[in-house]
Amino acid sequence: MKNLHKTSKPRYGLNDTLRGFSLLNMIAYHFCFDIFHVYGLNTGWMYTTTAVIWERFICFSFIIISGISLNFSGHAYKRGLIVSACGALLTVVTLIAVPGLAIWFGVLTCIGASMLITQALRKLLERIHPLAGAAASFLIFAVLYGVPDGYIGFFKLKMLELPRFLYQNYFTAFFGFLPAGFVSSDYFPLLPWLFLFIFGFFVWRAVERYGMEKFFKFSIPPLAFAGRHSLLIYLVHQPALIGICFLIFGYF
């Protein structure tokens, strides 16, 4: 007799927990940004060493975990389109509500596009040894890290200035070549961040290859719950934070 019950992919609670932890860090950072920068209580806060390290940690962890999670998606193209659409929605909403703080090519746009590109390349990527793939993708990420600032090198170490003709308009800004005067309150171009996403994809391939999945069954339920609903929480968290700030300060 055939088993009529479909077998579902196992859910690894640690991935959800880490995503939830990263999400809560992001919310806390944005709350501080709203208080100190938007409301002008300490506009230099976001440039302090602590704030910069905190922001980079959030960015790295959120995108790596998103790359890991692509391995579990049964509808990667659909999910990528949904995330991309949510990124476009944030652009439209911020352009209308707070044009001075509009989001162009934010983290959702980057993750959505990275999901679509990585899924399109998936069969090719799966032929690569995961450790070699992880090392190569992280190295490319490091080399291209300075593309938005006009150079290639190794993270902040400049080795080669890029020609200015590459930095033309909002189309090139999507890839990392932003034009003069470009402003976005959340900017994650494909170069270099696509390769950090691919790095995350390879990290889980290595976990599977070496049978380490058992270490990912641990979870912290509240954080795991937040991680499972990260897209919805991300979409509503900033309006909620602005509302809280309005109640505290009484103006926008």
C-alpha atoms as a PDB file:
ATOM      1  CA  MET A   1       0.000   0.000   0.000  1.00  0.00           C
ATOM      2  CA  LYS A   2       1.392   3.406  -1.021  1.00  0.00           C
ATOM      3  CA  ASN A   3       2.143   5.997   1.605  1.00  0.00           C
ATOM      4  CA  LEU A   4      -0.201   8.862   0.842  1.00  0.00           C
ATOM      5  CA  HIS A   5       1.490  11.223   3.290  1.00  0.00           C
ATOM      6  CA  LYS A   6       4.011  13.557   1.720  1.00  0.00           C
ATOM      7  CA  THR A   7       7.380  13.661   3.412  1.00  0.00           C
ATOM      8  CA  SER A   8       8.321  17.198   4.347  1.00  0.00           C
ATOM      9  CA  LYS A   9      11.845  18.551   4.581  1.00  0.00           C
ATOM     10  CA  PRO A  10      13.184  18.558   8.142  1.00  0.00           C
ATOM     11  CA  ARG A  11      13.152  21.912   9.899  1.00  0.00           C
ATOM     12  CA  TYR A  12      16.366  22.784  11.656  1.00  0.00           C
ATOM     13  CA  GLY A  13      15.493  24.905  14.656  1.00  0.00           C
ATOM     14  CA  LEU A  14      18.942  26.444  15.014  1.00  0.00           C
ATOM     15  CA  ASN A  15      18.636  28.120  11.612  1.00  0.00           C
ATOM     16  CA  ASP A  16      15.307  29.666  12.620  1.00  0.00           C
ATOM     17  CA  THR A  17      16.756  30.650  16.002  1.00  0.00           C
ATOM     18  CA  LEU A  18      19.774  32.360  14.452  1.00  0.00           C
ATOM     19  CA  ARG A  19      17.545  34.154  11.929  1.00  0.00           C
ATOM     20  CA  GLY A  20      15.295  35.314  14.764  1.00  0.00           C
ATOM     21  CA  PHE A  21      18.307  36.516  16.767  1.00  0.00           C
ATOM     22  CA  SER A  22      19.608  38.425  13.745  1.00  0.00           C
ATOM     23  CA  LEU A  23      16.161  39.912  13.143  1.00  0.00           C
ATOM     24  CA  LEU A  24      15.840  41.132  16.741  1.00  0.00           C
ATOM     25  CA  ASN A  25      19.315  42.667  16.487  1.00  0.00           C
ATOM     26  CA  MET A  26      18.199  44.449  13.333  1.00  0.00           C
ATOM     27  CA  ILE A  27      15.072  45.794  15.037  1.00  0.00           C
ATOM     28  CA  ALA A  28      17.122  47.023  18.007  1.00  0.00           C
ATOM     29  CA  TYR A  29      19.632  48.701  15.682  1.00  0.00           C
ATOM     30  CA  HIS A  30      16.872  50.403  13.687  1.00  0.00           C
ATOM     31  CA  PHE A  31      15.258  51.609  16.912  1.00  0.00           C
ATOM     32  CA  CYS A  32      18.546  53.201  17.944  1.00  0.00           C
ATOM     33  CA  PHE A  33      18.901  54.668  14.445  1.00  0.00           C
ATOM     34  CA  ASP A  34      15.432  56.212  14.668  1.00  0.00           C
ATOM     35  CA  ILE A  35      16.105  57.691  18.087  1.00  0.00           C
ATOM     36  CA  PHE A  36      19.650  58.948  17.564  1.00  0.00           C
ATOM     37  CA  HIS A  37      19.695  59.813  13.860  1.00  0.00           C
ATOM     38  CA  VAL A  38      16.153  60.414  12.625  1.00  0.00           C
ATOM     39  CA  TYR A  39      15.160  62.319  15.763  1.00  0.00           C
ATOM     40  CA  GLY A  40      18.550  63.989  15.969  1.00  0.00           C
ATOM     41  CA  LEU A  41      19.435  63.127  19.563  1.00  0.00           C
ATOM     42  CA  ASN A  42      22.915  61.973  18.564  1.00  0.00           C
ATOM     43  CA  THR A  43      23.394  62.050  14.793  1.00  0.00           C
ATOM     44  CA  GLY A  44      26.975  60.813  15.112  1.00  0.00           C
ATOM     45  CA  TRP A  45      25.987  57.596  16.916  1.00  0.00           C
ATOM     46  CA  MET A  46      25.721  55.495  13.760  1.00  0.00           C
ATOM     47  CA  TYR A  47      29.363  56.328  12.917  1.00  0.00           C
ATOM     48  CA  THR A  48      30.779  55.122  16.236  1.00  0.00           C
ATOM     49  CA  THR A  49      32.869  51.946  16.215  1.00  0.00           C
ATOM     50  CA  THR A  50      30.284  50.041  18.266  1.00  0.00           C
ATOM     51  CA  ALA A  51      27.426  50.967  15.939  1.00  0.00           C
ATOM     52  CA  VAL A  52      29.424  50.145  12.799  1.00  0.00           C
ATOM     53  CA  ILE A  53      30.480  46.711  14.107  1.00  0.00           C
ATOM     54  CA  TRP A  54      26.936  45.981  15.261  1.00  0.00           C
ATOM     55  CA  GLU A  55      25.468  46.964  11.885  1.00  0.00           C
ATOM     56  CA  ARG A  56      27.994  44.865   9.939  1.00  0.00           C
ATOM     57  CA  PHE A  57      27.365  41.852  12.200  1.00  0.00           C
ATOM     58  CA  ILE A  58      23.625  42.113  11.508  1.00  0.00           C
ATOM     59  CA  CYS A  59      24.158  42.437   7.756  1.00  0.00           C
ATOM     60  CA  PHE A  60      26.569  39.507   7.545  1.00  0.00           C
ATOM     61  CA  SER A  61      24.469  37.178   9.701  1.00  0.00           C
ATOM     62  CA  PHE A  62      21.148  38.010   8.036  1.00  0.00           C
ATOM     63  CA  ILE A  63      22.424  37.431   4.494  1.00  0.00           C
ATOM     64  CA  ILE A  64      24.452  34.304   5.341  1.00  0.00           C
ATOM     65  CA  ILE A  65      21.441  32.730   7.066  1.00  0.00           C
ATOM     66  CA  SER A  66      19.291  33.617   4.051  1.00  0.00           C
ATOM     67  CA  GLY A  67      21.798  31.807   1.818  1.00  0.00           C
ATOM     68  CA  ILE A  68      21.722  28.787   4.122  1.00  0.00           C
ATOM     69  CA  SER A  69      17.924  28.764   4.042  1.00  0.00           C
ATOM     70  CA  LEU A  70      17.786  28.527   0.248  1.00  0.00           C
ATOM     71  CA  ASN A  71      18.777  24.877   0.661  1.00  0.00           C
ATOM     72  CA  PHE A  72      15.427  24.209   2.359  1.00  0.00           C
ATOM     73  CA  SER A  73      13.187  26.103  -0.049  1.00  0.00           C
ATOM     74  CA  GLY A  74      10.944  23.951  -2.197  1.00  0.00           C
ATOM     75  CA  HIS A  75       9.724  26.994  -4.135  1.00  0.00           C
ATOM     76  CA  ALA A  76      12.857  29.120  -4.396  1.00  0.00           C
ATOM     77  CA  TYR A  77      11.775  31.098  -7.463  1.00  0.00           C
ATOM     78  CA  LYS A  78       8.383  31.918  -5.957  1.00  0.00           C
ATOM     79  CA  ARG A  79       9.987  32.882  -2.656  1.00  0.00           C
ATOM     80  CA  GLY A  80      12.587  35.010  -4.422  1.00  0.00           C
ATOM     81  CA  LEU A  81       9.899  36.879  -6.352  1.00  0.00           C
ATOM     82  CA  ILE A  82       7.882  37.478  -3.171  1.00  0.00           C
ATOM     83  CA  VAL A  83      10.896  38.841  -1.293  1.00  0.00           C
ATOM     84  CA  SER A  84      11.841  41.020  -4.288  1.00  0.00           C
ATOM     85  CA  ALA A  85       8.275  42.345  -4.482  1.00  0.00           C
ATOM     86  CA  CYS A  86       8.392  43.204  -0.773  1.00  0.00           C
ATOM     87  CA  GLY A  87      11.632  45.083  -1.390  1.00  0.00           C
ATOM     88  CA  ALA A  88       9.975  47.050  -4.205  1.00  0.00           C
ATOM     89  CA  LEU A  89       6.999  47.759  -1.954  1.00  0.00           C
ATOM     90  CA  LEU A  90       9.311  49.245   0.690  1.00  0.00           C
ATOM     91  CA  THR A  91      10.834  51.507  -1.954  1.00  0.00           C
ATOM     92  CA  VAL A  92       7.408  52.800  -3.007  1.00  0.00           C
ATOM     93  CA  VAL A  93       6.185  53.271   0.573  1.00  0.00           C
ATOM     94  CA  THR A  94       9.317  55.097   1.736  1.00  0.00           C
ATOM     95  CA  LEU A  95       9.336  57.307  -1.357  1.00  0.00           C
ATOM     96  CA  ILE A  96       5.807  58.422  -0.478  1.00  0.00           C
ATOM     97  CA  ALA A  97       6.085  58.555   3.320  1.00  0.00           C
ATOM     98  CA  VAL A  98       9.681  59.687   3.910  1.00  0.00           C
ATOM     99  CA  PRO A  99      11.280  60.631   0.565  1.00  0.00           C
ATOM    100  CA  GLY A 100      14.404  61.882   2.315  1.00  0.00           C
ATOM    101  CA  LEU A 101      14.927  58.404   3.799  1.00  0.00           C
ATOM    102  CA  ALA A 102      13.747  56.358   0.823  1.00  0.00           C
ATOM    103  CA  ILE A 103      15.048  52.797   0.461  1.00  0.00           C
ATOM    104  CA  TRP A 104      16.619  51.982  -2.882  1.00  0.00           C
ATOM    105  CA  PHE A 105      17.917  48.428  -3.328  1.00  0.00           C
ATOM    106  CA  GLY A 106      17.623  47.492   0.328  1.00  0.00           C
ATOM    107  CA  VAL A 107      18.329  44.144   1.950  1.00  0.00           C
ATOM    108  CA  LEU A 108      15.047  42.541   0.803  1.00  0.00           C
ATOM    109  CA  THR A 109      15.718  43.473  -2.815  1.00  0.00           C
ATOM    110  CA  CYS A 110      19.222  42.044  -2.508  1.00  0.00           C
ATOM    111  CA  ILE A 111      18.099  38.799  -0.877  1.00  0.00           C
ATOM    112  CA  GLY A 112      15.243  38.311  -3.346  1.00  0.00           C
ATOM    113  CA  ALA A 113      17.537  38.814  -6.343  1.00  0.00           C
ATOM    114  CA  SER A 114      20.228  36.608  -4.763  1.00  0.00           C
ATOM    115  CA  MET A 115      17.683  33.830  -4.272  1.00  0.00           C
ATOM    116  CA  LEU A 116      16.669  33.979  -7.935  1.00  0.00           C
ATOM    117  CA  ILE A 117      20.246  34.082  -9.230  1.00  0.00           C
ATOM    118  CA  THR A 118      21.546  31.367  -6.902  1.00  0.00           C
ATOM    119  CA  GLN A 119      18.610  29.100  -7.690  1.00  0.00           C
ATOM    120  CA  ALA A 120      19.232  29.595 -11.428  1.00  0.00           C
ATOM    121  CA  LEU A 121      22.864  28.554 -10.871  1.00  0.00           C
ATOM    122  CA  ARG A 122      22.033  25.843  -8.357  1.00  0.00           C
ATOM    123  CA  LYS A 123      22.835  22.789 -10.486  1.00  0.00           C
ATOM    124  CA  LEU A 124      26.197  24.299 -11.369  1.00  0.00           C
ATOM    125  CA  LEU A 125      26.959  25.278  -7.766  1.00  0.00           C
ATOM    126  CA  GLU A 126      26.066  21.806  -6.496  1.00  0.00           C
ATOM    127  CA  ARG A 127      28.876  20.355  -8.612  1.00  0.00           C
ATOM    128  CA  ILE A 128      31.437  22.360  -6.653  1.00  0.00           C
ATOM    129  CA  HIS A 129      32.919  20.985  -3.454  1.00  0.00           C
ATOM    130  CA  PRO A 130      31.175  22.963  -0.688  1.00  0.00           C
ATOM    131  CA  LEU A 131      34.362  23.941   1.140  1.00  0.00           C
ATOM    132  CA  ALA A 132      35.954  25.180  -2.082  1.00  0.00           C
ATOM    133  CA  GLY A 133      32.733  26.969  -2.999  1.00  0.00           C
ATOM    134  CA  ALA A 134      32.454  28.618   0.416  1.00  0.00           C
ATOM    135  CA  ALA A 135      36.090  29.753   0.350  1.00  0.00           C
ATOM    136  CA  ALA A 136      35.871  31.073  -3.213  1.00  0.00           C
ATOM    137  CA  SER A 137      32.582  32.917  -2.717  1.00  0.00           C
ATOM    138  CA  PHE A 138      33.778  34.552   0.517  1.00  0.00           C
ATOM    139  CA  LEU A 139      37.046  35.579  -1.155  1.00  0.00           C
ATOM    140  CA  ILE A 140      35.130  37.142  -4.063  1.00  0.00           C
ATOM    141  CA  PHE A 141      32.901  38.920  -1.556  1.00  0.00           C
ATOM    142  CA  ALA A 142      35.968  40.335   0.202  1.00  0.00           C
ATOM    143  CA  VAL A 143      37.580  41.437  -3.081  1.00  0.00           C
ATOM    144  CA  LEU A 144      34.375  43.154  -4.285  1.00  0.00           C
ATOM    145  CA  TYR A 145      33.473  44.652  -0.895  1.00  0.00           C
ATOM    146  CA  GLY A 146      34.660  48.097  -1.963  1.00  0.00           C
ATOM    147  CA  VAL A 147      32.800  48.207  -5.298  1.00  0.00           C
ATOM    148  CA  PRO A 148      30.152  50.665  -3.981  1.00  0.00           C
ATOM    149  CA  ASP A 149      33.028  52.902  -2.821  1.00  0.00           C
ATOM    150  CA  GLY A 150      34.784  52.766  -6.189  1.00  0.00           C
ATOM    151  CA  TYR A 151      37.506  50.163  -5.724  1.00  0.00           C
ATOM    152  CA  ILE A 152      38.346  46.489  -5.486  1.00  0.00           C
ATOM    153  CA  GLY A 153      40.756  45.058  -2.963  1.00  0.00           C
ATOM    154  CA  PHE A 154      40.273  43.103   0.232  1.00  0.00           C
ATOM    155  CA  PHE A 155      37.488  44.509   2.422  1.00  0.00           C
ATOM    156  CA  LYS A 156      38.676  48.043   3.321  1.00  0.00           C
ATOM    157  CA  LEU A 157      42.114  47.560   1.772  1.00  0.00           C
ATOM    158  CA  LYS A 158      42.078  49.395  -1.576  1.00  0.00           C
ATOM    159  CA  MET A 159      44.056  47.795  -4.387  1.00  0.00           C
ATOM    160  CA  LEU A 160      42.550  49.091  -7.621  1.00  0.00           C
ATOM    161  CA  GLU A 161      40.373  52.114  -8.323  1.00  0.00           C
ATOM    162  CA  LEU A 162      37.445  51.383 -10.616  1.00  0.00           C
ATOM    163  CA  PRO A 163      36.702  53.680 -13.580  1.00  0.00           C
ATOM    164  CA  ARG A 164      34.027  56.269 -12.852  1.00  0.00           C
ATOM    165  CA  PHE A 165      32.129  55.569 -16.090  1.00  0.00           C
ATOM    166  CA  LEU A 166      30.784  52.406 -14.424  1.00  0.00           C
ATOM    167  CA  TYR A 167      28.919  54.530 -11.873  1.00  0.00           C
ATOM    168  CA  GLN A 168      26.164  55.948 -14.053  1.00  0.00           C
ATOM    169  CA  ASN A 169      22.576  55.670 -12.807  1.00  0.00           C
ATOM    170  CA  TYR A 170      20.070  53.792 -10.671  1.00  0.00           C
ATOM    171  CA  PHE A 171      20.348  50.717 -12.916  1.00  0.00           C
ATOM    172  CA  THR A 172      24.080  50.434 -12.286  1.00  0.00           C
ATOM    173  CA  ALA A 173      23.433  51.206  -8.590  1.00  0.00           C
ATOM    174  CA  PHE A 174      21.518  47.925  -8.334  1.00  0.00           C
ATOM    175  CA  PHE A 175      24.794  46.124  -9.083  1.00  0.00           C
ATOM    176  CA  GLY A 176      26.938  48.318  -6.820  1.00  0.00           C
ATOM    177  CA  PHE A 177      27.964  51.131  -9.153  1.00  0.00           C
ATOM    178  CA  LEU A 178      26.024  54.002  -7.606  1.00  0.00           C
ATOM    179  CA  PRO A 179      25.934  57.416  -9.318  1.00  0.00           C
ATOM    180  CA  ALA A 180      26.983  60.692  -7.724  1.00  0.00           C
ATOM    181  CA  GLY A 181      24.335  61.980  -5.340  1.00  0.00           C
ATOM    182  CA  PHE A 182      22.759  58.561  -4.818  1.00  0.00           C
ATOM    183  CA  VAL A 183      21.111  58.276  -1.379  1.00  0.00           C
ATOM    184  CA  SER A 184      19.408  55.269   0.199  1.00  0.00           C
ATOM    185  CA  SER A 185      18.703  54.609   3.866  1.00  0.00           C
ATOM    186  CA  ASP A 186      19.233  50.867   3.257  1.00  0.00           C
ATOM    187  CA  TYR A 187      21.554  49.877   0.410  1.00  0.00           C
ATOM    188  CA  PHE A 188      22.676  46.337  -0.427  1.00  0.00           C
ATOM    189  CA  PRO A 189      23.797  46.031  -4.058  1.00  0.00           C
ATOM    190  CA  LEU A 190      24.398  42.669  -5.706  1.00  0.00           C
ATOM    191  CA  LEU A 191      28.126  43.353  -5.678  1.00  0.00           C
ATOM    192  CA  PRO A 192      29.405  42.285  -3.243  1.00  0.00           C
ATOM    193  CA  TRP A 193      26.443  40.877  -1.242  1.00  0.00           C
ATOM    194  CA  LEU A 194      25.355  38.203  -3.741  1.00  0.00           C
ATOM    195  CA  PHE A 195      28.559  36.324  -2.970  1.00  0.00           C
ATOM    196  CA  LEU A 196      27.981  36.409   0.783  1.00  0.00           C
ATOM    197  CA  PHE A 197      24.563  34.873   0.100  1.00  0.00           C
ATOM    198  CA  ILE A 198      26.210  32.166  -2.030  1.00  0.00           C
ATOM    199  CA  PHE A 199      28.723  31.638   0.773  1.00  0.00           C
ATOM    200  CA  GLY A 200      25.790  30.842   3.081  1.00  0.00           C
ATOM    201  CA  PHE A 201      24.411  28.438   0.480  1.00  0.00           C
ATOM    202  CA  PHE A 202      27.731  26.554   0.465  1.00  0.00           C
ATOM    203  CA  VAL A 203      27.994  26.571   4.269  1.00  0.00           C
ATOM    204  CA  TRP A 204      24.917  24.363   4.531  1.00  0.00           C
ATOM    205  CA  ARG A 205      26.150  22.135   1.698  1.00  0.00           C
ATOM    206  CA  ALA A 206      29.274  21.567   3.814  1.00  0.00           C
ATOM    207  CA  VAL A 207      27.162  20.866   6.907  1.00  0.00           C
ATOM    208  CA  GLU A 208      25.277  18.193   4.980  1.00  0.00           C
ATOM    209  CA  ARG A 209      28.396  16.748   3.378  1.00  0.00           C
ATOM    210  CA  TYR A 210      30.037  16.173   6.751  1.00  0.00           C
ATOM    211  CA  GLY A 211      26.901  14.987   8.562  1.00  0.00           C
ATOM    212  CA  MET A 212      26.644  17.859  11.034  1.00  0.00           C
ATOM    213  CA  GLU A 213      22.876  18.403  10.685  1.00  0.00           C
ATOM    214  CA  LYS A 214      22.287  17.001  14.180  1.00  0.00           C
ATOM    215  CA  PHE A 215      23.847  20.107  15.701  1.00  0.00           C
ATOM    216  CA  PHE A 216      21.177  22.265  14.054  1.00  0.00           C
ATOM    217  CA  LYS A 217      18.158  20.662  15.717  1.00  0.00           C
ATOM    218  CA  PHE A 218      18.514  22.821  18.830  1.00  0.00           C
ATOM    219  CA  SER A 219      16.218  25.842  19.009  1.00  0.00           C
ATOM    220  CA  ILE A 220      15.083  28.636  21.301  1.00  0.00           C
ATOM    221  CA  PRO A 221      11.308  28.733  20.641  1.00  0.00           C
ATOM    222  CA  PRO A 222      10.692  32.519  20.834  1.00  0.00           C
ATOM    223  CA  LEU A 223      13.629  33.268  18.547  1.00  0.00           C
ATOM    224  CA  ALA A 224      12.751  30.374  16.241  1.00  0.00           C
ATOM    225  CA  PHE A 225       9.183  31.700  15.968  1.00  0.00           C
ATOM    226  CA  ALA A 226      10.525  35.135  14.992  1.00  0.00           C
ATOM    227  CA  GLY A 227      12.847  33.482  12.481  1.00  0.00           C
ATOM    228  CA  ARG A 228      10.009  31.574  10.840  1.00  0.00           C
ATOM    229  CA  HIS A 229       8.051  34.807  10.389  1.00  0.00           C
ATOM    230  CA  SER A 230      11.006  37.051   9.600  1.00  0.00           C
ATOM    231  CA  LEU A 231       9.619  38.551   6.381  1.00  0.00           C
ATOM    232  CA  LEU A 232       6.369  39.716   7.954  1.00  0.00           C
ATOM    233  CA  ILE A 233       8.139  41.043  11.043  1.00  0.00           C
ATOM    234  CA  TYR A 234      10.668  42.869   8.885  1.00  0.00           C
ATOM    235  CA  LEU A 235       7.915  44.578   6.896  1.00  0.00           C
ATOM    236  CA  VAL A 236       6.049  45.863   9.951  1.00  0.00           C
ATOM    237  CA  HIS A 237       8.886  46.588  12.370  1.00  0.00           C
ATOM    238  CA  GLN A 238       9.915  50.016  11.092  1.00  0.00           C
ATOM    239  CA  PRO A 239       6.382  51.528  11.026  1.00  0.00           C
ATOM    240  CA  ALA A 240       5.934  50.116  14.543  1.00  0.00           C
ATOM    241  CA  LEU A 241       9.202  51.701  15.688  1.00  0.00           C
ATOM    242  CA  ILE A 242       8.254  55.044  14.167  1.00  0.00           C
ATOM    243  CA  GLY A 243       4.934  54.816  16.003  1.00  0.00           C
ATOM    244  CA  ILE A 244       6.726  54.160  19.295  1.00  0.00           C
ATOM    245  CA  CYS A 245       9.058  57.096  18.679  1.00  0.00           C
ATOM    246  CA  PHE A 246       6.058  59.311  17.900  1.00  0.00           C
ATOM    247  CA  LEU A 247       4.514  58.354  21.235  1.00  0.00           C
ATOM    248  CA  ILE A 248       7.777  59.141  23.017  1.00  0.00           C
ATOM    249  CA  PHE A 249       8.769  62.345  21.233  1.00  0.00           C
ATOM    250  CA  GLY A 250       5.375  63.525  19.959  1.00  0.00           C
ATOM    251  CA  TYR A 251       6.502  64.533  16.476  1.00  0.00           C
ATOM    252  CA  PHE A 252       8.132  63.191  13.338  1.00  0.00           C
END
